[in-house]
Amino acid sequence: MIKPPYHKLKIWPEFYRAVIDGRKRFEIREDDRGFAVGQLVCLEEFDHLGDGYTGRSCLVEITYLTSWAQQENHVVFGFEFTGLSKEVA
């Protein structure tokens, strides 16, 4: 079990699947949490068109961070999937 501190972020199902499949290794987010390289982020699948949280989640580690060419107070962070995830049957 991974214990805090880590950030928890909602992620829509189509983006969650891309993270799990290895096709998506970045997030563009408002920097309201002070993201930094080396921090852990728990991505929690959230169905914005359905019932909300699905119960699926995965843990990633921020490996790269930039605000270049982003909206004010937004960042892009690259990440590596830690291999830890919670899947629902």
N, C-alpha and C. Protein backbone atom coordinates (compact mmCIF):
# COMPACT_ATOMS: atom_id res chain seq x y z
N MET A 1 0.84 -1.19 0.00
CA MET A 1 0.00 0.00 0.00
C MET A 1 0.89 1.24 0.00
N ILE A 2 0.62 2.15 -0.91
CA ILE A 2 1.36 3.41 -0.98
C ILE A 2 0.70 4.41 -0.05
N LYS A 3 1.49 5.03 0.77
CA LYS A 3 0.96 6.01 1.72
C LYS A 3 1.26 7.42 1.23
N PRO A 4 0.38 8.38 1.55
CA PRO A 4 0.64 9.77 1.18
C PRO A 4 1.97 10.22 1.77
N PRO A 5 2.67 11.21 1.23
CA PRO A 5 2.02 12.22 0.40
C PRO A 5 2.04 11.88 -1.09
N TYR A 6 0.94 12.07 -1.72
CA TYR A 6 0.83 12.04 -3.18
C TYR A 6 -0.38 12.86 -3.55
N HIS A 7 -0.39 13.30 -4.79
CA HIS A 7 -1.53 14.07 -5.29
C HIS A 7 -2.57 13.10 -5.84
N LYS A 8 -3.85 13.41 -5.64
CA LYS A 8 -4.93 12.65 -6.25
C LYS A 8 -5.56 13.52 -7.32
N LEU A 9 -5.67 12.97 -8.53
CA LEU A 9 -6.26 13.70 -9.65
C LEU A 9 -7.29 12.85 -10.36
N LYS A 10 -8.39 13.47 -10.77
CA LYS A 10 -9.38 12.79 -11.59
C LYS A 10 -8.83 12.66 -13.00
N ILE A 11 -9.19 11.55 -13.67
CA ILE A 11 -8.83 11.38 -15.07
C ILE A 11 -9.98 10.67 -15.77
N TRP A 12 -10.39 11.19 -16.92
CA TRP A 12 -11.52 10.61 -17.66
C TRP A 12 -11.14 9.23 -18.20
N PRO A 13 -12.14 8.34 -18.38
CA PRO A 13 -11.87 6.96 -18.79
C PRO A 13 -11.00 6.79 -20.03
N GLU A 14 -11.23 7.57 -21.08
CA GLU A 14 -10.43 7.40 -22.30
C GLU A 14 -8.96 7.74 -22.07
N PHE A 15 -8.69 8.69 -21.18
CA PHE A 15 -7.31 9.04 -20.87
C PHE A 15 -6.70 8.03 -19.90
N TYR A 16 -7.51 7.52 -18.97
CA TYR A 16 -7.03 6.49 -18.04
C TYR A 16 -6.58 5.26 -18.81
N ARG A 17 -7.40 4.82 -19.75
CA ARG A 17 -7.05 3.63 -20.55
C ARG A 17 -5.73 3.85 -21.29
N ALA A 18 -5.52 5.06 -21.81
CA ALA A 18 -4.28 5.35 -22.54
C ALA A 18 -3.07 5.31 -21.61
N VAL A 19 -3.25 5.72 -20.35
CA VAL A 19 -2.15 5.63 -19.37
C VAL A 19 -1.83 4.17 -19.11
N ILE A 20 -2.84 3.36 -18.83
CA ILE A 20 -2.64 1.95 -18.52
C ILE A 20 -2.03 1.21 -19.71
N ASP A 21 -2.46 1.56 -20.93
CA ASP A 21 -1.94 0.93 -22.15
C ASP A 21 -0.53 1.38 -22.51
N GLY A 22 -0.05 2.45 -21.85
CA GLY A 22 1.29 2.95 -22.14
C GLY A 22 1.35 3.97 -23.26
N ARG A 23 0.20 4.40 -23.79
CA ARG A 23 0.18 5.37 -24.87
C ARG A 23 0.24 6.81 -24.39
N LYS A 24 -0.10 7.06 -23.13
CA LYS A 24 -0.14 8.42 -22.59
C LYS A 24 0.80 8.51 -21.40
N ARG A 25 1.77 9.42 -21.48
CA ARG A 25 2.76 9.57 -20.43
C ARG A 25 2.93 11.03 -20.02
N PHE A 26 1.85 11.79 -20.11
CA PHE A 26 1.91 13.20 -19.71
C PHE A 26 0.53 13.68 -19.29
N GLU A 27 0.51 14.75 -18.53
CA GLU A 27 -0.74 15.43 -18.14
C GLU A 27 -0.53 16.93 -18.29
N ILE A 28 -1.57 17.63 -18.70
CA ILE A 28 -1.59 19.08 -18.71
C ILE A 28 -2.58 19.48 -17.63
N ARG A 29 -2.09 20.20 -16.63
CA ARG A 29 -2.92 20.50 -15.46
C ARG A 29 -2.69 21.92 -14.96
N GLU A 30 -3.70 22.42 -14.26
CA GLU A 30 -3.52 23.66 -13.52
C GLU A 30 -2.52 23.37 -12.40
N ASP A 31 -1.58 24.26 -12.21
CA ASP A 31 -0.56 24.02 -11.17
C ASP A 31 -1.02 24.60 -9.84
N ASP A 32 -2.09 24.04 -9.32
CA ASP A 32 -2.65 24.50 -8.04
C ASP A 32 -2.14 23.67 -6.87
N ARG A 33 -1.19 22.76 -7.14
CA ARG A 33 -0.68 21.87 -6.08
C ARG A 33 0.82 21.93 -5.93
N GLY A 34 1.47 22.76 -6.76
CA GLY A 34 2.93 22.83 -6.69
C GLY A 34 3.61 21.56 -7.14
N PHE A 35 3.21 21.03 -8.29
CA PHE A 35 3.79 19.80 -8.81
C PHE A 35 5.31 19.93 -8.93
N ALA A 36 6.01 18.81 -8.70
CA ALA A 36 7.47 18.80 -8.79
C ALA A 36 7.94 17.42 -9.25
N VAL A 37 9.08 17.39 -9.92
CA VAL A 37 9.68 16.13 -10.35
C VAL A 37 9.94 15.27 -9.10
N GLY A 38 9.60 14.00 -9.23
CA GLY A 38 9.79 13.05 -8.14
C GLY A 38 8.54 12.80 -7.32
N GLN A 39 7.54 13.67 -7.47
CA GLN A 39 6.29 13.47 -6.71
C GLN A 39 5.47 12.34 -7.31
N LEU A 40 4.68 11.72 -6.45
CA LEU A 40 3.75 10.68 -6.88
C LEU A 40 2.37 11.29 -7.09
N VAL A 41 1.66 10.75 -8.10
CA VAL A 41 0.31 11.20 -8.42
C VAL A 41 -0.57 9.97 -8.58
N CYS A 42 -1.69 9.95 -7.88
CA CYS A 42 -2.68 8.89 -8.03
C CYS A 42 -3.74 9.39 -9.01
N LEU A 43 -3.80 8.75 -10.18
CA LEU A 43 -4.80 9.10 -11.18
C LEU A 43 -6.03 8.22 -10.94
N GLU A 44 -7.14 8.86 -10.59
CA GLU A 44 -8.38 8.13 -10.27
C GLU A 44 -9.37 8.31 -11.41
N GLU A 45 -9.73 7.19 -12.02
CA GLU A 45 -10.66 7.24 -13.15
C GLU A 45 -12.00 7.82 -12.71
N PHE A 46 -12.46 8.81 -13.46
CA PHE A 46 -13.69 9.52 -13.14
C PHE A 46 -14.53 9.63 -14.40
N ASP A 47 -15.71 9.03 -14.38
CA ASP A 47 -16.62 9.07 -15.53
C ASP A 47 -17.50 10.31 -15.41
N HIS A 48 -17.11 11.36 -16.10
CA HIS A 48 -17.83 12.63 -16.03
C HIS A 48 -19.20 12.57 -16.70
N LEU A 49 -19.48 11.53 -17.47
CA LEU A 49 -20.78 11.38 -18.12
C LEU A 49 -21.65 10.35 -17.43
N GLY A 50 -21.14 9.71 -16.41
CA GLY A 50 -21.86 8.63 -15.74
C GLY A 50 -21.96 8.83 -14.25
N ASP A 51 -21.50 7.82 -13.53
CA ASP A 51 -21.67 7.77 -12.09
C ASP A 51 -20.51 8.31 -11.27
N GLY A 52 -19.58 9.00 -11.89
CA GLY A 52 -18.47 9.55 -11.13
C GLY A 52 -17.29 8.60 -11.07
N TYR A 53 -16.69 8.46 -9.89
CA TYR A 53 -15.51 7.61 -9.72
C TYR A 53 -15.84 6.15 -10.04
N THR A 54 -14.95 5.49 -10.80
CA THR A 54 -15.19 4.10 -11.19
C THR A 54 -14.56 3.10 -10.23
N GLY A 55 -13.63 3.56 -9.39
CA GLY A 55 -12.92 2.67 -8.49
C GLY A 55 -11.57 2.24 -9.02
N ARG A 56 -11.27 2.57 -10.30
CA ARG A 56 -9.97 2.24 -10.88
C ARG A 56 -9.01 3.40 -10.66
N SER A 57 -7.76 3.08 -10.37
CA SER A 57 -6.75 4.12 -10.17
C SER A 57 -5.37 3.55 -10.45
N CYS A 58 -4.42 4.45 -10.68
CA CYS A 58 -3.04 4.03 -10.87
C CYS A 58 -2.12 5.10 -10.31
N LEU A 59 -0.92 4.67 -9.96
CA LEU A 59 0.07 5.57 -9.37
C LEU A 59 1.17 5.84 -10.38
N VAL A 60 1.48 7.13 -10.58
CA VAL A 60 2.55 7.52 -11.49
C VAL A 60 3.52 8.44 -10.75
N GLU A 61 4.75 8.54 -11.27
CA GLU A 61 5.75 9.42 -10.70
C GLU A 61 6.11 10.48 -11.73
N ILE A 62 6.09 11.75 -11.32
CA ILE A 62 6.44 12.85 -12.21
C ILE A 62 7.94 12.80 -12.51
N THR A 63 8.27 12.78 -13.82
CA THR A 63 9.67 12.69 -14.24
C THR A 63 10.13 13.94 -14.98
N TYR A 64 9.20 14.78 -15.42
CA TYR A 64 9.54 15.98 -16.18
C TYR A 64 8.43 17.00 -15.96
N LEU A 65 8.80 18.28 -15.93
CA LEU A 65 7.82 19.34 -15.66
C LEU A 65 8.19 20.58 -16.45
N THR A 66 7.19 21.18 -17.14
CA THR A 66 7.42 22.44 -17.85
C THR A 66 6.12 23.25 -17.90
N SER A 67 6.28 24.55 -17.94
CA SER A 67 5.12 25.43 -18.14
C SER A 67 5.23 26.15 -19.48
N TRP A 68 6.21 25.77 -20.31
CA TRP A 68 6.46 26.42 -21.59
C TRP A 68 5.22 26.37 -22.49
N ALA A 69 4.80 27.54 -22.98
CA ALA A 69 3.68 27.70 -23.93
C ALA A 69 2.34 27.22 -23.36
N GLN A 70 2.19 27.23 -22.06
CA GLN A 70 0.93 26.82 -21.42
C GLN A 70 0.12 28.04 -21.00
N GLN A 71 -1.16 27.83 -20.76
CA GLN A 71 -1.99 28.87 -20.17
C GLN A 71 -1.37 29.27 -18.83
N GLU A 72 -1.71 30.46 -18.38
CA GLU A 72 -1.20 30.93 -17.09
C GLU A 72 -1.53 29.92 -15.99
N ASN A 73 -0.55 29.65 -15.14
CA ASN A 73 -0.68 28.75 -14.00
C ASN A 73 -1.00 27.30 -14.40
N HIS A 74 -0.55 26.88 -15.56
CA HIS A 74 -0.71 25.50 -16.01
C HIS A 74 0.66 24.90 -16.30
N VAL A 75 0.76 23.59 -16.15
CA VAL A 75 2.01 22.88 -16.43
C VAL A 75 1.71 21.61 -17.22
N VAL A 76 2.75 21.12 -17.85
CA VAL A 76 2.74 19.79 -18.45
C VAL A 76 3.73 18.97 -17.64
N PHE A 77 3.28 17.81 -17.17
CA PHE A 77 4.25 16.93 -16.51
C PHE A 77 4.28 15.57 -17.20
N GLY A 78 5.50 15.13 -17.45
CA GLY A 78 5.70 13.78 -17.94
C GLY A 78 5.79 12.85 -16.76
N PHE A 79 5.40 11.60 -16.96
CA PHE A 79 5.42 10.66 -15.84
C PHE A 79 5.72 9.25 -16.30
N GLU A 80 6.11 8.45 -15.32
CA GLU A 80 6.30 7.00 -15.50
C GLU A 80 5.26 6.29 -14.65
N PHE A 81 4.63 5.29 -15.23
CA PHE A 81 3.69 4.45 -14.50
C PHE A 81 4.49 3.58 -13.53
N THR A 82 4.13 3.58 -12.27
CA THR A 82 4.87 2.82 -11.26
C THR A 82 4.58 1.32 -11.31
N GLY A 83 3.52 0.95 -12.03
CA GLY A 83 3.11 -0.44 -12.07
C GLY A 83 2.06 -0.77 -11.03
N LEU A 84 1.76 0.20 -10.14
CA LEU A 84 0.72 -0.01 -9.13
C LEU A 84 -0.60 0.54 -9.62
N SER A 85 -1.61 -0.32 -9.61
CA SER A 85 -2.94 0.12 -10.02
C SER A 85 -3.99 -0.67 -9.27
N LYS A 86 -5.17 -0.09 -9.24
CA LYS A 86 -6.32 -0.76 -8.63
C LYS A 86 -7.37 -0.89 -9.72
N GLU A 87 -7.72 -2.10 -10.04
CA GLU A 87 -8.69 -2.36 -11.09
C GLU A 87 -9.95 -2.94 -10.45
N VAL A 88 -11.05 -2.66 -11.09
CA VAL A 88 -12.35 -3.14 -10.60
C VAL A 88 -12.79 -4.29 -11.49
N ALA A 89 -13.35 -5.32 -10.90
CA ALA A 89 -13.79 -6.48 -11.67
C ALA A 89 -14.96 -6.16 -12.56
